[in-house]
């Protein structure tokens, strides 16, 4: 099969590899399209190795056909998605959202499962609460602000330019700011603060995030784009009786992923089917031009996801 691997020089290179051999409980999926995520960039750069036992190939989500049944499915992976065939634990498969093509569905499972696991299961976001979503233009951001809106929350978000703000409002944000030109803690304070913050920045935003929380607020950290360490203002956190939650999805056991996917299908698949939630696809690239797809995410300024067309 054709695959994209990470070279010793931390670049992406097309190669021919043997097909994976499914372990007990796994099925083979012939890939139609693969989603591109920031975790893939981090792994390619040598900063985010796969969990023990996972494929060394990048790629955390695909859409394709089960080899055993022919059913079109999406798959949540710990690695290996940049390939024509993947071996997947059966519990990490979902049917395509009704009415969605596989070429589009490749962009939904990782971001939707991430949002559900963090906003719904971890933070327990409730109707009427206010959520701040850092980085609203990315794949997770565009999914999070729409799902949060459908959960009945008031949605605040940020972007890296003024040009992106109208798109975020169209997707459902109540308030959106250019993080480069505003004093975000001041703006959020004027907006009344946040009950839940979904944070991809990490260390450099830690103190500001605590300041922006309301009483009994929940800060959920899912990324470290701004650094892996920071100073936590413990007194302010205690005074607000708030919580800091750190999570990952990739390294969770299969059973936990299966629970998250079941909740994702229950909660989000109907939203995707009737159009209440849509994950924008910013660009598509032929499979062997994966390095160009990575450059889009690295340069920023995109809205939504980037997808690799594998079967073509």
C-alpha atoms as a PDB file:
ATOM      1  CA  UNK A   1       0.000   0.000   0.000  1.00  0.00           C
ATOM      2  CA  UNK A   2       1.026   3.624  -0.360  1.00  0.00           C
ATOM      3  CA  UNK A   3       1.612   5.537   2.850  1.00  0.00           C
ATOM      4  CA  UNK A   4       3.164   8.752   4.116  1.00  0.00           C
ATOM      5  CA  UNK A   5       5.826   8.312   6.766  1.00  0.00           C
ATOM      6  CA  UNK A   6       7.989  10.691   8.764  1.00  0.00           C
ATOM      7  CA  UNK A   7      11.611  10.673   7.627  1.00  0.00           C
ATOM      8  CA  UNK A   8      14.688  10.846   9.838  1.00  0.00           C
ATOM      9  CA  UNK A   9      14.858  14.540   8.869  1.00  0.00           C
ATOM     10  CA  UNK A  10      11.309  15.134  10.189  1.00  0.00           C
ATOM     11  CA  UNK A  11       9.762  15.541   6.766  1.00  0.00           C
ATOM     12  CA  UNK A  12       6.903  13.653   5.127  1.00  0.00           C
ATOM     13  CA  UNK A  13       7.740  11.160   2.389  1.00  0.00           C
ATOM     14  CA  UNK A  14       5.531   8.837   0.308  1.00  0.00           C
ATOM     15  CA  UNK A  15       6.527   5.163   0.582  1.00  0.00           C
ATOM     16  CA  UNK A  16       5.314   1.671  -0.242  1.00  0.00           C
ATOM     17  CA  UNK A  17       4.641  -0.414   2.876  1.00  0.00           C
ATOM     18  CA  UNK A  18       2.974  -3.740   3.635  1.00  0.00           C
ATOM     19  CA  UNK A  19      -0.660  -3.522   4.678  1.00  0.00           C
ATOM     20  CA  UNK A  20      -1.205  -3.641   8.441  1.00  0.00           C
ATOM     21  CA  UNK A  21      -2.220  -6.975   9.948  1.00  0.00           C
ATOM     22  CA  UNK A  22      -5.296  -6.566  12.167  1.00  0.00           C
ATOM     23  CA  UNK A  23      -4.928  -7.666  15.774  1.00  0.00           C
ATOM     24  CA  UNK A  24      -7.789  -9.421  17.564  1.00  0.00           C
ATOM     25  CA  UNK A  25     -10.737  -7.039  17.737  1.00  0.00           C
ATOM     26  CA  UNK A  26      -9.463  -4.918  14.836  1.00  0.00           C
ATOM     27  CA  UNK A  27     -10.794  -4.568  11.298  1.00  0.00           C
ATOM     28  CA  UNK A  28      -9.180  -3.282   8.116  1.00  0.00           C
ATOM     29  CA  UNK A  29     -10.496  -0.079   6.597  1.00  0.00           C
ATOM     30  CA  UNK A  30      -9.618   0.960   3.043  1.00  0.00           C
ATOM     31  CA  UNK A  31      -9.137   4.697   3.318  1.00  0.00           C
ATOM     32  CA  UNK A  32     -10.987   7.166   1.110  1.00  0.00           C
ATOM     33  CA  UNK A  33      -9.844  10.373   2.851  1.00  0.00           C
ATOM     34  CA  UNK A  34      -7.869  11.381   5.934  1.00  0.00           C
ATOM     35  CA  UNK A  35      -8.194  14.431   8.144  1.00  0.00           C
ATOM     36  CA  UNK A  36      -5.129  16.541   8.923  1.00  0.00           C
ATOM     37  CA  UNK A  37      -4.687  17.755  12.504  1.00  0.00           C
ATOM     38  CA  UNK A  38      -2.173  19.841  14.429  1.00  0.00           C
ATOM     39  CA  UNK A  39      -1.141  16.706  16.284  1.00  0.00           C
ATOM     40  CA  UNK A  40       0.164  15.402  12.940  1.00  0.00           C
ATOM     41  CA  UNK A  41       2.393  18.469  12.627  1.00  0.00           C
ATOM     42  CA  UNK A  42       3.686  17.992  16.165  1.00  0.00           C
ATOM     43  CA  UNK A  43       4.440  14.323  15.512  1.00  0.00           C
ATOM     44  CA  UNK A  44       6.215  15.138  12.251  1.00  0.00           C
ATOM     45  CA  UNK A  45       8.377  17.670  14.084  1.00  0.00           C
ATOM     46  CA  UNK A  46       9.338  15.014  16.637  1.00  0.00           C
ATOM     47  CA  UNK A  47       7.362  16.506  19.547  1.00  0.00           C
ATOM     48  CA  UNK A  48       4.381  14.152  19.839  1.00  0.00           C
ATOM     49  CA  UNK A  49       5.270  10.466  19.543  1.00  0.00           C
ATOM     50  CA  UNK A  50       2.449   7.935  19.139  1.00  0.00           C
ATOM     51  CA  UNK A  51       1.302   5.918  22.153  1.00  0.00           C
ATOM     52  CA  UNK A  52       3.041   2.564  22.701  1.00  0.00           C
ATOM     53  CA  UNK A  53       1.893  -0.001  20.176  1.00  0.00           C
ATOM     54  CA  UNK A  54       0.338   2.521  17.775  1.00  0.00           C
ATOM     55  CA  UNK A  55       1.407   2.968  14.170  1.00  0.00           C
ATOM     56  CA  UNK A  56       4.377   5.264  13.634  1.00  0.00           C
ATOM     57  CA  UNK A  57       2.618   6.838  10.655  1.00  0.00           C
ATOM     58  CA  UNK A  58       0.835  10.149  11.271  1.00  0.00           C
ATOM     59  CA  UNK A  59      -2.914  10.501  10.960  1.00  0.00           C
ATOM     60  CA  UNK A  60      -5.604  10.381  13.653  1.00  0.00           C
ATOM     61  CA  UNK A  61      -8.813  10.096  11.614  1.00  0.00           C
ATOM     62  CA  UNK A  62      -9.987   8.606   8.325  1.00  0.00           C
ATOM     63  CA  UNK A  63     -13.122   7.827   6.396  1.00  0.00           C
ATOM     64  CA  UNK A  64     -13.261   4.694   4.291  1.00  0.00           C
ATOM     65  CA  UNK A  65     -14.811   1.264   3.748  1.00  0.00           C
ATOM     66  CA  UNK A  66     -14.629  -1.686   6.093  1.00  0.00           C
ATOM     67  CA  UNK A  67     -12.841  -4.502   4.303  1.00  0.00           C
ATOM     68  CA  UNK A  68     -15.123  -7.116   5.912  1.00  0.00           C
ATOM     69  CA  UNK A  69     -18.555  -5.558   5.294  1.00  0.00           C
ATOM     70  CA  UNK A  70     -18.054  -2.793   2.719  1.00  0.00           C
ATOM     71  CA  UNK A  71     -19.770  -0.296   5.020  1.00  0.00           C
ATOM     72  CA  UNK A  72     -18.542   3.289   4.833  1.00  0.00           C
ATOM     73  CA  UNK A  73     -17.252   4.388   8.218  1.00  0.00           C
ATOM     74  CA  UNK A  74     -15.164   6.970  10.017  1.00  0.00           C
ATOM     75  CA  UNK A  75     -12.347   5.818  12.289  1.00  0.00           C
ATOM     76  CA  UNK A  76     -10.644   7.459  15.254  1.00  0.00           C
ATOM     77  CA  UNK A  77      -6.999   6.389  15.330  1.00  0.00           C
ATOM     78  CA  UNK A  78      -3.969   6.621  17.591  1.00  0.00           C
ATOM     79  CA  UNK A  79      -1.872   6.830  14.407  1.00  0.00           C
ATOM     80  CA  UNK A  80      -1.556   5.386  10.929  1.00  0.00           C
ATOM     81  CA  UNK A  81      -4.149   7.408   9.037  1.00  0.00           C
ATOM     82  CA  UNK A  82      -1.801   8.563   6.271  1.00  0.00           C
ATOM     83  CA  UNK A  83      -2.116   5.241   4.454  1.00  0.00           C
ATOM     84  CA  UNK A  84      -4.343   3.467   1.951  1.00  0.00           C
ATOM     85  CA  UNK A  85      -5.353   0.874   4.566  1.00  0.00           C
ATOM     86  CA  UNK A  86      -5.572   1.073   8.350  1.00  0.00           C
ATOM     87  CA  UNK A  87      -6.222  -1.476  11.099  1.00  0.00           C
ATOM     88  CA  UNK A  88      -8.708  -0.109  13.630  1.00  0.00           C
ATOM     89  CA  UNK A  89     -10.255  -1.449  16.844  1.00  0.00           C
ATOM     90  CA  UNK A  90     -13.882  -2.050  15.925  1.00  0.00           C
ATOM     91  CA  UNK A  91     -15.007   0.095  18.857  1.00  0.00           C
ATOM     92  CA  UNK A  92     -13.321   3.113  17.269  1.00  0.00           C
ATOM     93  CA  UNK A  93     -15.517   3.025  14.160  1.00  0.00           C
ATOM     94  CA  UNK A  94     -18.717   4.934  13.525  1.00  0.00           C
ATOM     95  CA  UNK A  95     -20.979   4.943  10.479  1.00  0.00           C
ATOM     96  CA  UNK A  96     -20.801   8.076   8.373  1.00  0.00           C
ATOM     97  CA  UNK A  97     -23.166  10.812   9.544  1.00  0.00           C
ATOM     98  CA  UNK A  98     -26.367  10.422   7.468  1.00  0.00           C
ATOM     99  CA  UNK A  99     -26.158  12.221   4.144  1.00  0.00           C
ATOM    100  CA  UNK A 100     -22.431  12.956   4.388  1.00  0.00           C
ATOM    101  CA  UNK A 101     -19.862  11.841   1.835  1.00  0.00           C
ATOM    102  CA  UNK A 102     -16.780  10.018   3.039  1.00  0.00           C
ATOM    103  CA  UNK A 103     -14.575  12.729   1.544  1.00  0.00           C
ATOM    104  CA  UNK A 104     -16.192  15.228   3.954  1.00  0.00           C
ATOM    105  CA  UNK A 105     -16.694  12.874   6.880  1.00  0.00           C
ATOM    106  CA  UNK A 106     -12.925  12.414   7.163  1.00  0.00           C
ATOM    107  CA  UNK A 107     -12.857  15.870   8.751  1.00  0.00           C
ATOM    108  CA  UNK A 108     -15.371  15.293  11.531  1.00  0.00           C
ATOM    109  CA  UNK A 109     -14.645  12.412  13.889  1.00  0.00           C
ATOM    110  CA  UNK A 110     -11.488  13.610  15.646  1.00  0.00           C
ATOM    111  CA  UNK A 111     -12.679  17.176  16.241  1.00  0.00           C
ATOM    112  CA  UNK A 112     -16.206  16.172  17.240  1.00  0.00           C
ATOM    113  CA  UNK A 113     -14.981  13.477  19.625  1.00  0.00           C
ATOM    114  CA  UNK A 114     -12.505  15.961  21.127  1.00  0.00           C
ATOM    115  CA  UNK A 115     -15.234  18.539  21.680  1.00  0.00           C
ATOM    116  CA  UNK A 116     -17.688  16.034  23.138  1.00  0.00           C
ATOM    117  CA  UNK A 117     -15.111  14.533  25.487  1.00  0.00           C
ATOM    118  CA  UNK A 118     -14.076  17.944  26.783  1.00  0.00           C
ATOM    119  CA  UNK A 119     -17.138  20.205  26.742  1.00  0.00           C
ATOM    120  CA  UNK A 120     -19.808  17.599  27.401  1.00  0.00           C
ATOM    121  CA  UNK A 121     -18.172  14.805  29.389  1.00  0.00           C
ATOM    122  CA  UNK A 122     -15.354  16.631  31.219  1.00  0.00           C
ATOM    123  CA  UNK A 123     -16.625  20.208  31.683  1.00  0.00           C
ATOM    124  CA  UNK A 124     -20.324  19.222  31.692  1.00  0.00           C
ATOM    125  CA  UNK A 125     -21.282  22.413  29.857  1.00  0.00           C
ATOM    126  CA  UNK A 126     -24.893  23.301  30.651  1.00  0.00           C
ATOM    127  CA  UNK A 127     -27.531  25.386  28.849  1.00  0.00           C
ATOM    128  CA  UNK A 128     -27.250  29.052  29.726  1.00  0.00           C
ATOM    129  CA  UNK A 129     -23.551  28.898  30.607  1.00  0.00           C
ATOM    130  CA  UNK A 130     -20.880  30.917  28.819  1.00  0.00           C
ATOM    131  CA  UNK A 131     -17.983  29.157  27.107  1.00  0.00           C
ATOM    132  CA  UNK A 132     -14.794  30.751  25.769  1.00  0.00           C
ATOM    133  CA  UNK A 133     -13.177  28.825  22.921  1.00  0.00           C
ATOM    134  CA  UNK A 134      -9.623  29.835  22.098  1.00  0.00           C
ATOM    135  CA  UNK A 135      -8.761  29.571  18.412  1.00  0.00           C
ATOM    136  CA  UNK A 136     -12.228  29.452  16.892  1.00  0.00           C
ATOM    137  CA  UNK A 137     -11.060  29.155  13.283  1.00  0.00           C
ATOM    138  CA  UNK A 138      -9.335  25.772  13.593  1.00  0.00           C
ATOM    139  CA  UNK A 139     -10.955  22.386  13.208  1.00  0.00           C
ATOM    140  CA  UNK A 140     -11.616  21.969  16.925  1.00  0.00           C
ATOM    141  CA  UNK A 141     -12.643  25.604  17.276  1.00  0.00           C
ATOM    142  CA  UNK A 142     -15.212  25.567  14.477  1.00  0.00           C
ATOM    143  CA  UNK A 143     -16.683  22.324  15.828  1.00  0.00           C
ATOM    144  CA  UNK A 144     -16.638  23.495  19.444  1.00  0.00           C
ATOM    145  CA  UNK A 145     -18.419  26.786  18.953  1.00  0.00           C
ATOM    146  CA  UNK A 146     -21.232  25.154  16.964  1.00  0.00           C
ATOM    147  CA  UNK A 147     -21.697  22.211  19.328  1.00  0.00           C
ATOM    148  CA  UNK A 148     -21.601  24.537  22.336  1.00  0.00           C
ATOM    149  CA  UNK A 149     -24.260  26.705  20.699  1.00  0.00           C
ATOM    150  CA  UNK A 150     -26.444  23.641  20.147  1.00  0.00           C
ATOM    151  CA  UNK A 151     -25.968  22.690  23.807  1.00  0.00           C
ATOM    152  CA  UNK A 152     -27.535  26.032  24.710  1.00  0.00           C
ATOM    153  CA  UNK A 153     -24.378  27.875  25.728  1.00  0.00           C
ATOM    154  CA  UNK A 154     -23.397  31.466  25.055  1.00  0.00           C
ATOM    155  CA  UNK A 155     -20.251  31.290  22.926  1.00  0.00           C
ATOM    156  CA  UNK A 156     -17.200  33.569  23.056  1.00  0.00           C
ATOM    157  CA  UNK A 157     -14.229  32.899  20.783  1.00  0.00           C
ATOM    158  CA  UNK A 158     -11.020  34.306  19.300  1.00  0.00           C
ATOM    159  CA  UNK A 159      -9.279  34.454  15.939  1.00  0.00           C
ATOM    160  CA  UNK A 160      -5.951  35.708  14.643  1.00  0.00           C
ATOM    161  CA  UNK A 161      -7.366  38.370  12.299  1.00  0.00           C
ATOM    162  CA  UNK A 162     -10.294  40.724  11.869  1.00  0.00           C
ATOM    163  CA  UNK A 163     -11.135  39.046   8.546  1.00  0.00           C
ATOM    164  CA  UNK A 164     -11.992  35.764  10.307  1.00  0.00           C
ATOM    165  CA  UNK A 165     -14.483  37.249  12.764  1.00  0.00           C
ATOM    166  CA  UNK A 166     -17.576  37.375  10.477  1.00  0.00           C
ATOM    167  CA  UNK A 167     -17.165  33.664   9.678  1.00  0.00           C
ATOM    168  CA  UNK A 168     -17.062  32.810  13.377  1.00  0.00           C
ATOM    169  CA  UNK A 169     -20.229  34.794  14.005  1.00  0.00           C
ATOM    170  CA  UNK A 170     -21.912  32.993  11.105  1.00  0.00           C
ATOM    171  CA  UNK A 171     -20.981  29.678  12.718  1.00  0.00           C
ATOM    172  CA  UNK A 172     -22.699  30.721  15.936  1.00  0.00           C
ATOM    173  CA  UNK A 173     -20.307  32.756  18.100  1.00  0.00           C
ATOM    174  CA  UNK A 174     -22.084  35.424  20.148  1.00  0.00           C
ATOM    175  CA  UNK A 175     -18.861  37.412  20.548  1.00  0.00           C
ATOM    176  CA  UNK A 176     -15.587  37.023  18.643  1.00  0.00           C
ATOM    177  CA  UNK A 177     -12.352  38.984  19.019  1.00  0.00           C
ATOM    178  CA  UNK A 178      -9.037  39.312  17.208  1.00  0.00           C
ATOM    179  CA  UNK A 179      -6.699  38.057  19.922  1.00  0.00           C
ATOM    180  CA  UNK A 180      -3.820  40.081  18.421  1.00  0.00           C
ATOM    181  CA  UNK A 181      -5.503  43.471  18.842  1.00  0.00           C
ATOM    182  CA  UNK A 182      -7.589  43.284  22.030  1.00  0.00           C
ATOM    183  CA  UNK A 183      -6.999  42.854  25.738  1.00  0.00           C
ATOM    184  CA  UNK A 184      -8.824  39.530  25.895  1.00  0.00           C
ATOM    185  CA  UNK A 185      -9.190  39.280  29.702  1.00  0.00           C
ATOM    186  CA  UNK A 186     -10.703  42.772  29.742  1.00  0.00           C
ATOM    187  CA  UNK A 187     -13.122  41.957  26.923  1.00  0.00           C
ATOM    188  CA  UNK A 188     -14.199  38.689  28.521  1.00  0.00           C
ATOM    189  CA  UNK A 189     -14.629  40.431  31.876  1.00  0.00           C
ATOM    190  CA  UNK A 190     -16.908  43.000  30.225  1.00  0.00           C
ATOM    191  CA  UNK A 191     -18.842  40.095  28.714  1.00  0.00           C
ATOM    192  CA  UNK A 192     -19.365  38.653  32.196  1.00  0.00           C
ATOM    193  CA  UNK A 193     -16.636  36.023  32.312  1.00  0.00           C
ATOM    194  CA  UNK A 194     -16.701  32.368  31.266  1.00  0.00           C
ATOM    195  CA  UNK A 195     -18.076  29.294  32.999  1.00  0.00           C
ATOM    196  CA  UNK A 196     -15.997  27.025  30.754  1.00  0.00           C
ATOM    197  CA  UNK A 197     -12.809  27.746  28.777  1.00  0.00           C
ATOM    198  CA  UNK A 198     -11.596  25.364  26.069  1.00  0.00           C
ATOM    199  CA  UNK A 199      -7.886  26.121  25.756  1.00  0.00           C
ATOM    200  CA  UNK A 200      -5.398  25.024  23.087  1.00  0.00           C
ATOM    201  CA  UNK A 201      -2.718  27.498  24.201  1.00  0.00           C
ATOM    202  CA  UNK A 202      -1.499  26.071  27.498  1.00  0.00           C
ATOM    203  CA  UNK A 203       1.176  27.607  29.702  1.00  0.00           C
ATOM    204  CA  UNK A 204       1.331  31.184  28.463  1.00  0.00           C
ATOM    205  CA  UNK A 205      -2.451  31.624  28.845  1.00  0.00           C
ATOM    206  CA  UNK A 206      -2.809  29.933  32.221  1.00  0.00           C
ATOM    207  CA  UNK A 207      -3.035  33.018  34.446  1.00  0.00           C
ATOM    208  CA  UNK A 208      -5.306  34.926  32.066  1.00  0.00           C
ATOM    209  CA  UNK A 209      -7.592  31.923  31.754  1.00  0.00           C
ATOM    210  CA  UNK A 210      -8.001  31.694  35.529  1.00  0.00           C
ATOM    211  CA  UNK A 211      -8.776  35.417  35.628  1.00  0.00           C
ATOM    212  CA  UNK A 212     -11.483  34.981  32.963  1.00  0.00           C
ATOM    213  CA  UNK A 213     -13.270  32.171  34.795  1.00  0.00           C
ATOM    214  CA  UNK A 214     -16.453  32.775  36.721  1.00  0.00           C
ATOM    215  CA  UNK A 215     -17.096  31.221  40.119  1.00  0.00           C
ATOM    216  CA  UNK A 216     -17.139  27.409  39.809  1.00  0.00           C
ATOM    217  CA  UNK A 217     -15.629  27.738  36.336  1.00  0.00           C
ATOM    218  CA  UNK A 218     -13.838  24.940  34.489  1.00  0.00           C
ATOM    219  CA  UNK A 219     -10.661  25.464  32.476  1.00  0.00           C
ATOM    220  CA  UNK A 220     -10.104  22.546  30.077  1.00  0.00           C
ATOM    221  CA  UNK A 221      -6.603  22.466  28.577  1.00  0.00           C
ATOM    222  CA  UNK A 222      -6.246  20.379  25.418  1.00  0.00           C
ATOM    223  CA  UNK A 223      -3.156  21.897  23.785  1.00  0.00           C
ATOM    224  CA  UNK A 224       0.157  23.591  24.432  1.00  0.00           C
ATOM    225  CA  UNK A 225       0.632  25.911  21.461  1.00  0.00           C
ATOM    226  CA  UNK A 226       1.778  28.592  23.911  1.00  0.00           C
ATOM    227  CA  UNK A 227       4.046  26.339  25.952  1.00  0.00           C
ATOM    228  CA  UNK A 228       3.810  23.302  28.182  1.00  0.00           C
ATOM    229  CA  UNK A 229       4.421  25.118  31.477  1.00  0.00           C
ATOM    230  CA  UNK A 230       3.038  28.211  33.135  1.00  0.00           C
ATOM    231  CA  UNK A 231       2.381  29.856  36.497  1.00  0.00           C
ATOM    232  CA  UNK A 232      -0.937  28.930  38.103  1.00  0.00           C
ATOM    233  CA  UNK A 233      -2.447  31.667  40.334  1.00  0.00           C
ATOM    234  CA  UNK A 234      -3.632  29.197  42.949  1.00  0.00           C
ATOM    235  CA  UNK A 235      -5.157  31.787  45.253  1.00  0.00           C
ATOM    236  CA  UNK A 236      -7.402  33.176  42.518  1.00  0.00           C
ATOM    237  CA  UNK A 237      -8.335  29.648  41.436  1.00  0.00           C
ATOM    238  CA  UNK A 238      -9.264  28.703  45.008  1.00  0.00           C
ATOM    239  CA  UNK A 239     -11.187  31.925  45.530  1.00  0.00           C
ATOM    240  CA  UNK A 240     -13.370  31.130  42.533  1.00  0.00           C
ATOM    241  CA  UNK A 241     -13.710  27.470  43.555  1.00  0.00           C
ATOM    242  CA  UNK A 242     -12.778  26.661  39.963  1.00  0.00           C
ATOM    243  CA  UNK A 243     -11.109  23.644  38.365  1.00  0.00           C
ATOM    244  CA  UNK A 244      -8.307  23.081  35.862  1.00  0.00           C
ATOM    245  CA  UNK A 245      -8.771  19.955  33.742  1.00  0.00           C
ATOM    246  CA  UNK A 246      -6.070  18.582  31.448  1.00  0.00           C
ATOM    247  CA  UNK A 247      -7.042  15.941  28.893  1.00  0.00           C
ATOM    248  CA  UNK A 248      -5.866  14.090  25.824  1.00  0.00           C
ATOM    249  CA  UNK A 249      -7.813  11.849  23.454  1.00  0.00           C
ATOM    250  CA  UNK A 250      -5.136  10.023  21.489  1.00  0.00           C
ATOM    251  CA  UNK A 251      -3.659   8.007  24.343  1.00  0.00           C
ATOM    252  CA  UNK A 252      -6.926   6.914  25.965  1.00  0.00           C
ATOM    253  CA  UNK A 253      -7.713   3.186  26.162  1.00  0.00           C
ATOM    254  CA  UNK A 254      -9.976   1.723  23.487  1.00  0.00           C
ATOM    255  CA  UNK A 255     -12.859   1.322  25.945  1.00  0.00           C
ATOM    256  CA  UNK A 256     -12.803   5.028  26.816  1.00  0.00           C
ATOM    257  CA  UNK A 257     -12.631   6.017  23.164  1.00  0.00           C
ATOM    258  CA  UNK A 258     -15.599   3.771  22.467  1.00  0.00           C
ATOM    259  CA  UNK A 259     -17.622   5.547  25.172  1.00  0.00           C
ATOM    260  CA  UNK A 260     -16.664   8.958  23.765  1.00  0.00           C
ATOM    261  CA  UNK A 261     -17.574   7.893  20.231  1.00  0.00           C
ATOM    262  CA  UNK A 262     -20.928   6.509  21.360  1.00  0.00           C
ATOM    263  CA  UNK A 263     -21.728   9.860  22.981  1.00  0.00           C
ATOM    264  CA  UNK A 264     -20.459  11.690  19.877  1.00  0.00           C
ATOM    265  CA  UNK A 265     -22.770   9.696  17.619  1.00  0.00           C
ATOM    266  CA  UNK A 266     -25.691  10.266  19.968  1.00  0.00           C
ATOM    267  CA  UNK A 267     -25.121  13.990  20.384  1.00  0.00           C
ATOM    268  CA  UNK A 268     -23.424  15.319  17.243  1.00  0.00           C
ATOM    269  CA  UNK A 269     -24.321  12.976  14.374  1.00  0.00           C
ATOM    270  CA  UNK A 270     -27.936  14.289  14.269  1.00  0.00           C
ATOM    271  CA  UNK A 271     -26.562  17.858  14.228  1.00  0.00           C
ATOM    272  CA  UNK A 272     -24.353  17.022  11.261  1.00  0.00           C
ATOM    273  CA  UNK A 273     -27.161  15.192   9.482  1.00  0.00           C
ATOM    274  CA  UNK A 274     -29.585  18.113   9.565  1.00  0.00           C
ATOM    275  CA  UNK A 275     -26.984  20.829   9.016  1.00  0.00           C
ATOM    276  CA  UNK A 276     -27.072  22.458  12.434  1.00  0.00           C
ATOM    277  CA  UNK A 277     -23.334  21.736  12.665  1.00  0.00           C
ATOM    278  CA  UNK A 278     -20.933  21.757   9.729  1.00  0.00           C
ATOM    279  CA  UNK A 279     -17.184  21.366   9.788  1.00  0.00           C
ATOM    280  CA  UNK A 280     -15.748  23.642   7.098  1.00  0.00           C
ATOM    281  CA  UNK A 281     -13.133  22.065   4.826  1.00  0.00           C
ATOM    282  CA  UNK A 282     -10.609  24.774   4.003  1.00  0.00           C
ATOM    283  CA  UNK A 283      -8.567  22.771   1.492  1.00  0.00           C
ATOM    284  CA  UNK A 284      -8.112  19.318   0.000  1.00  0.00           C
ATOM    285  CA  UNK A 285      -4.834  17.845  -1.208  1.00  0.00           C
ATOM    286  CA  UNK A 286      -3.925  14.688  -3.069  1.00  0.00           C
ATOM    287  CA  UNK A 287      -2.555  12.106  -0.658  1.00  0.00           C
ATOM    288  CA  UNK A 288       1.074  12.419  -1.705  1.00  0.00           C
ATOM    289  CA  UNK A 289       1.027  16.195  -1.199  1.00  0.00           C
ATOM    290  CA  UNK A 290       0.579  15.824   2.552  1.00  0.00           C
ATOM    291  CA  UNK A 291       3.513  18.155   3.200  1.00  0.00           C
ATOM    292  CA  UNK A 292       1.593  20.982   1.490  1.00  0.00           C
ATOM    293  CA  UNK A 293      -1.414  20.236   3.676  1.00  0.00           C
ATOM    294  CA  UNK A 294       0.798  20.551   6.749  1.00  0.00           C
ATOM    295  CA  UNK A 295       2.041  23.935   5.543  1.00  0.00           C
ATOM    296  CA  UNK A 296      -1.529  25.259   5.498  1.00  0.00           C
ATOM    297  CA  UNK A 297      -1.959  24.452   9.176  1.00  0.00           C
ATOM    298  CA  UNK A 298       1.520  25.713  10.027  1.00  0.00           C
ATOM    299  CA  UNK A 299       0.944  29.082   8.342  1.00  0.00           C
ATOM    300  CA  UNK A 300      -2.515  29.523   9.884  1.00  0.00           C
ATOM    301  CA  UNK A 301      -5.317  31.708   8.592  1.00  0.00           C
ATOM    302  CA  UNK A 302      -7.458  28.712   7.582  1.00  0.00           C
ATOM    303  CA  UNK A 303     -11.070  28.087   8.574  1.00  0.00           C
ATOM    304  CA  UNK A 304     -11.883  24.525   9.587  1.00  0.00           C
ATOM    305  CA  UNK A 305     -10.102  21.398   8.421  1.00  0.00           C
ATOM    306  CA  UNK A 306      -7.672  20.238   5.739  1.00  0.00           C
ATOM    307  CA  UNK A 307      -8.304  16.851   4.126  1.00  0.00           C
ATOM    308  CA  UNK A 308      -6.132  14.408   2.179  1.00  0.00           C
ATOM    309  CA  UNK A 309      -7.842  12.574  -0.692  1.00  0.00           C
ATOM    310  CA  UNK A 310      -6.374   9.091  -0.369  1.00  0.00           C
ATOM    311  CA  UNK A 311      -8.363   6.848  -2.707  1.00  0.00           C
ATOM    312  CA  UNK A 312      -7.814   9.180  -5.681  1.00  0.00           C
END
